[in-house]
Amino acid sequence: MAQDPKFIREFIEELPADDRADLKRIFALIESYAEPLELDDVREVAKATSHSPILAYQLYEEYSKALQIASQFLVCSNLTCLGKGAGLIIKELEQRSEQLLALDVTVEYVKCLGGCSVGPCLFHNGKMHSNMDLERLSEFLDNLG
């Protein structure tokens, strides 16, 4: 359900000038107070900030993808990483599924992350974590929450 356009306009008007210039920041702020934005909401943000609707759509798509990636673990499950212990990493992540769910983190097993020489690899929040073993994984997961 789209936000009330009046809410969006008033919200943006109350922001400091620096925040009004950053559309991704506006998207994050509005979504922290309300539901995820819909296309009509993005158009309203563009109108209220005098930005092009096309630019606003592009930036909202980038912002949405970044959010999705931030809450996702990509785990390499190719033969090279499996041979280096990725199977143990996968098993540990499955055992900690409730902890990950509570942190709103999803796990996806991918064929390759491109770090075969430094595997097993895990990608999270825009960063590759290599040479992963159970001890490093445990530390990593404990520091998430």
C-alpha atoms as a PDB file:
ATOM      1  CA  MET A   1       0.000   0.000   0.000  1.00  0.00           C
ATOM      2  CA  ALA A   2       1.424   3.354  -1.043  1.00  0.00           C
ATOM      3  CA  GLN A   3       2.271   5.971   1.564  1.00  0.00           C
ATOM      4  CA  ASP A   4       0.240   9.133   1.951  1.00  0.00           C
ATOM      5  CA  PRO A   5       1.902  11.680  -0.383  1.00  0.00           C
ATOM      6  CA  LYS A   6       1.383  14.377   2.260  1.00  0.00           C
ATOM      7  CA  PHE A   7       3.358  12.265   4.773  1.00  0.00           C
ATOM      8  CA  ILE A   8       6.238  11.936   2.293  1.00  0.00           C
ATOM      9  CA  ARG A   9       6.321  15.663   1.470  1.00  0.00           C
ATOM     10  CA  GLU A  10       6.147  16.744   5.130  1.00  0.00           C
ATOM     11  CA  PHE A  11       8.735  14.152   6.139  1.00  0.00           C
ATOM     12  CA  ILE A  12      11.189  15.405   3.510  1.00  0.00           C
ATOM     13  CA  GLU A  13      10.542  19.064   4.393  1.00  0.00           C
ATOM     14  CA  GLU A  14      11.546  18.378   8.005  1.00  0.00           C
ATOM     15  CA  LEU A  15      14.882  16.807   7.020  1.00  0.00           C
ATOM     16  CA  PRO A  16      18.126  18.785   7.203  1.00  0.00           C
ATOM     17  CA  ALA A  17      19.247  20.094   3.812  1.00  0.00           C
ATOM     18  CA  ASP A  18      22.090  17.555   3.592  1.00  0.00           C
ATOM     19  CA  ASP A  19      19.661  14.641   3.967  1.00  0.00           C
ATOM     20  CA  ARG A  20      17.238  16.098   1.419  1.00  0.00           C
ATOM     21  CA  ALA A  21      19.935  15.882  -1.265  1.00  0.00           C
ATOM     22  CA  ASP A  22      20.551  12.153  -0.723  1.00  0.00           C
ATOM     23  CA  LEU A  23      17.667  10.117  -2.175  1.00  0.00           C
ATOM     24  CA  LYS A  24      18.948   6.786  -0.823  1.00  0.00           C
ATOM     25  CA  ARG A  25      19.097   8.322   2.658  1.00  0.00           C
ATOM     26  CA  ILE A  26      15.512   9.561   2.239  1.00  0.00           C
ATOM     27  CA  PHE A  27      14.361   6.083   1.201  1.00  0.00           C
ATOM     28  CA  ALA A  28      16.039   4.543   4.249  1.00  0.00           C
ATOM     29  CA  LEU A  29      14.583   7.139   6.616  1.00  0.00           C
ATOM     30  CA  ILE A  30      11.038   6.848   5.283  1.00  0.00           C
ATOM     31  CA  GLU A  31      11.170   3.045   5.370  1.00  0.00           C
ATOM     32  CA  SER A  32      12.428   3.157   8.963  1.00  0.00           C
ATOM     33  CA  TYR A  33       9.149   4.864   9.923  1.00  0.00           C
ATOM     34  CA  ALA A  34       6.770   3.236   7.473  1.00  0.00           C
ATOM     35  CA  GLU A  35       6.293   0.298   5.131  1.00  0.00           C
ATOM     36  CA  PRO A  36       8.586  -0.419   2.170  1.00  0.00           C
ATOM     37  CA  LEU A  37       8.090   2.101  -0.597  1.00  0.00           C
ATOM     38  CA  GLU A  38       6.114   1.465  -3.747  1.00  0.00           C
ATOM     39  CA  LEU A  39       6.654   3.077  -7.150  1.00  0.00           C
ATOM     40  CA  ASP A  40       4.138   5.845  -6.414  1.00  0.00           C
ATOM     41  CA  ASP A  41       6.063   6.637  -3.224  1.00  0.00           C
ATOM     42  CA  VAL A  42       9.357   6.827  -5.113  1.00  0.00           C
ATOM     43  CA  ARG A  43       7.725   9.172  -7.628  1.00  0.00           C
ATOM     44  CA  GLU A  44       6.486  11.344  -4.757  1.00  0.00           C
ATOM     45  CA  VAL A  45       9.999  11.469  -3.249  1.00  0.00           C
ATOM     46  CA  ALA A  46      11.338  12.564  -6.644  1.00  0.00           C
ATOM     47  CA  LYS A  47       8.696  15.277  -6.910  1.00  0.00           C
ATOM     48  CA  ALA A  48       9.252  16.534  -3.345  1.00  0.00           C
ATOM     49  CA  THR A  49      13.025  16.737  -3.881  1.00  0.00           C
ATOM     50  CA  SER A  50      12.888  18.086  -7.463  1.00  0.00           C
ATOM     51  CA  HIS A  51      14.720  15.029  -8.793  1.00  0.00           C
ATOM     52  CA  SER A  52      13.975  13.137 -11.967  1.00  0.00           C
ATOM     53  CA  PRO A  53      11.591  10.214 -11.374  1.00  0.00           C
ATOM     54  CA  ILE A  54      13.868   8.029 -13.498  1.00  0.00           C
ATOM     55  CA  LEU A  55      16.863   8.849 -11.296  1.00  0.00           C
ATOM     56  CA  ALA A  56      14.765   8.197  -8.193  1.00  0.00           C
ATOM     57  CA  TYR A  57      13.661   4.779  -9.536  1.00  0.00           C
ATOM     58  CA  GLN A  58      17.263   3.851 -10.344  1.00  0.00           C
ATOM     59  CA  LEU A  59      18.509   4.893  -6.916  1.00  0.00           C
ATOM     60  CA  TYR A  60      15.664   3.105  -5.156  1.00  0.00           C
ATOM     61  CA  GLU A  61      16.498  -0.072  -7.060  1.00  0.00           C
ATOM     62  CA  GLU A  62      20.165   0.237  -6.016  1.00  0.00           C
ATOM     63  CA  TYR A  63      19.107   0.923  -2.426  1.00  0.00           C
ATOM     64  CA  SER A  64      16.759  -2.103  -2.403  1.00  0.00           C
ATOM     65  CA  LYS A  65      19.408  -4.426  -3.826  1.00  0.00           C
ATOM     66  CA  ALA A  66      21.936  -3.249  -1.247  1.00  0.00           C
ATOM     67  CA  LEU A  67      19.459  -4.019   1.540  1.00  0.00           C
ATOM     68  CA  GLN A  68      18.822  -7.473   0.150  1.00  0.00           C
ATOM     69  CA  ILE A  69      22.528  -8.245  -0.136  1.00  0.00           C
ATOM     70  CA  ALA A  70      23.213  -6.923   3.365  1.00  0.00           C
ATOM     71  CA  SER A  71      20.819  -9.457   4.892  1.00  0.00           C
ATOM     72  CA  GLN A  72      22.126 -12.403   2.908  1.00  0.00           C
ATOM     73  CA  PHE A  73      25.025 -14.813   3.267  1.00  0.00           C
ATOM     74  CA  LEU A  74      26.342 -16.222   0.037  1.00  0.00           C
ATOM     75  CA  VAL A  75      28.279 -19.407   0.712  1.00  0.00           C
ATOM     76  CA  CYS A  76      30.499 -21.007  -1.895  1.00  0.00           C
ATOM     77  CA  SER A  77      29.584 -24.652  -2.401  1.00  0.00           C
ATOM     78  CA  ASN A  78      31.757 -25.636  -5.365  1.00  0.00           C
ATOM     79  CA  LEU A  79      34.029 -28.673  -5.302  1.00  0.00           C
ATOM     80  CA  THR A  80      37.153 -26.683  -4.473  1.00  0.00           C
ATOM     81  CA  CYS A  81      35.604 -25.037  -1.416  1.00  0.00           C
ATOM     82  CA  LEU A  82      33.861 -28.250  -0.396  1.00  0.00           C
ATOM     83  CA  GLY A  83      37.266 -29.949  -0.494  1.00  0.00           C
ATOM     84  CA  LYS A  84      38.603 -27.237   1.815  1.00  0.00           C
ATOM     85  CA  GLY A  85      35.833 -27.610   4.410  1.00  0.00           C
ATOM     86  CA  ALA A  86      32.830 -25.725   3.051  1.00  0.00           C
ATOM     87  CA  GLY A  87      30.636 -28.730   3.890  1.00  0.00           C
ATOM     88  CA  LEU A  88      31.357 -28.166   7.590  1.00  0.00           C
ATOM     89  CA  ILE A  89      30.551 -24.466   7.188  1.00  0.00           C
ATOM     90  CA  ILE A  90      27.263 -25.321   5.472  1.00  0.00           C
ATOM     91  CA  LYS A  91      26.332 -27.814   8.188  1.00  0.00           C
ATOM     92  CA  GLU A  92      27.098 -25.257  10.922  1.00  0.00           C
ATOM     93  CA  LEU A  93      24.993 -22.590   9.199  1.00  0.00           C
ATOM     94  CA  GLU A  94      22.101 -25.054   8.944  1.00  0.00           C
ATOM     95  CA  GLN A  95      22.420 -25.810  12.667  1.00  0.00           C
ATOM     96  CA  ARG A  96      22.338 -22.098  13.427  1.00  0.00           C
ATOM     97  CA  SER A  97      19.346 -21.409  11.187  1.00  0.00           C
ATOM     98  CA  GLU A  98      17.223 -20.123  14.095  1.00  0.00           C
ATOM     99  CA  GLN A  99      19.957 -17.661  15.114  1.00  0.00           C
ATOM    100  CA  LEU A 100      20.251 -16.438  11.523  1.00  0.00           C
ATOM    101  CA  LEU A 101      16.483 -16.154  11.200  1.00  0.00           C
ATOM    102  CA  ALA A 102      16.375 -14.036  14.367  1.00  0.00           C
ATOM    103  CA  LEU A 103      18.992 -11.755  12.797  1.00  0.00           C
ATOM    104  CA  ASP A 104      16.926 -11.593   9.584  1.00  0.00           C
ATOM    105  CA  VAL A 105      19.785 -13.161   7.607  1.00  0.00           C
ATOM    106  CA  THR A 106      19.196 -15.616   4.778  1.00  0.00           C
ATOM    107  CA  VAL A 107      21.732 -18.123   3.489  1.00  0.00           C
ATOM    108  CA  GLU A 108      22.166 -18.917  -0.166  1.00  0.00           C
ATOM    109  CA  TYR A 109      24.565 -21.532  -1.494  1.00  0.00           C
ATOM    110  CA  VAL A 110      26.209 -20.490  -4.749  1.00  0.00           C
ATOM    111  CA  LYS A 111      28.391 -22.370  -7.205  1.00  0.00           C
ATOM    112  CA  CYS A 112      31.364 -20.015  -6.961  1.00  0.00           C
ATOM    113  CA  LEU A 113      32.337 -16.721  -5.366  1.00  0.00           C
ATOM    114  CA  GLY A 114      35.613 -16.515  -7.280  1.00  0.00           C
ATOM    115  CA  GLY A 115      37.898 -17.105  -4.302  1.00  0.00           C
ATOM    116  CA  CYS A 116      38.878 -20.709  -4.945  1.00  0.00           C
ATOM    117  CA  SER A 117      42.470 -20.216  -3.784  1.00  0.00           C
ATOM    118  CA  VAL A 118      41.335 -18.764  -0.443  1.00  0.00           C
ATOM    119  CA  GLY A 119      38.227 -20.893   0.167  1.00  0.00           C
ATOM    120  CA  PRO A 120      35.967 -21.716   1.795  1.00  0.00           C
ATOM    121  CA  CYS A 121      34.405 -18.327   1.201  1.00  0.00           C
ATOM    122  CA  LEU A 122      31.398 -16.512   2.571  1.00  0.00           C
ATOM    123  CA  PHE A 123      30.113 -13.198   1.211  1.00  0.00           C
ATOM    124  CA  HIS A 124      28.164 -10.895   3.517  1.00  0.00           C
ATOM    125  CA  ASN A 125      27.292  -7.209   3.487  1.00  0.00           C
ATOM    126  CA  GLY A 126      29.481  -6.461   0.491  1.00  0.00           C
ATOM    127  CA  LYS A 127      32.574  -8.191   1.865  1.00  0.00           C
ATOM    128  CA  MET A 128      34.228 -11.523   1.083  1.00  0.00           C
ATOM    129  CA  HIS A 129      35.292 -13.590   4.086  1.00  0.00           C
ATOM    130  CA  SER A 130      37.864 -16.159   3.018  1.00  0.00           C
ATOM    131  CA  ASN A 131      39.728 -19.094   4.553  1.00  0.00           C
ATOM    132  CA  MET A 132      36.611 -19.725   6.613  1.00  0.00           C
ATOM    133  CA  ASP A 133      36.744 -22.522   9.160  1.00  0.00           C
ATOM    134  CA  LEU A 134      34.410 -23.412  12.032  1.00  0.00           C
ATOM    135  CA  GLU A 135      36.254 -21.251  14.549  1.00  0.00           C
ATOM    136  CA  ARG A 136      36.257 -18.153  12.311  1.00  0.00           C
ATOM    137  CA  LEU A 137      32.613 -18.789  11.376  1.00  0.00           C
ATOM    138  CA  SER A 138      31.623 -19.022  15.030  1.00  0.00           C
ATOM    139  CA  GLU A 139      33.380 -15.723  15.821  1.00  0.00           C
ATOM    140  CA  PHE A 140      31.811 -14.106  12.771  1.00  0.00           C
ATOM    141  CA  LEU A 141      28.283 -15.248  13.674  1.00  0.00           C
ATOM    142  CA  ASP A 142      28.680 -14.277  17.317  1.00  0.00           C
ATOM    143  CA  ASN A 143      29.669 -10.755  16.265  1.00  0.00           C
ATOM    144  CA  LEU A 144      26.600 -10.318  14.042  1.00  0.00           C
ATOM    145  CA  GLY A 145      24.123  -9.948  16.851  1.00  0.00           C
END
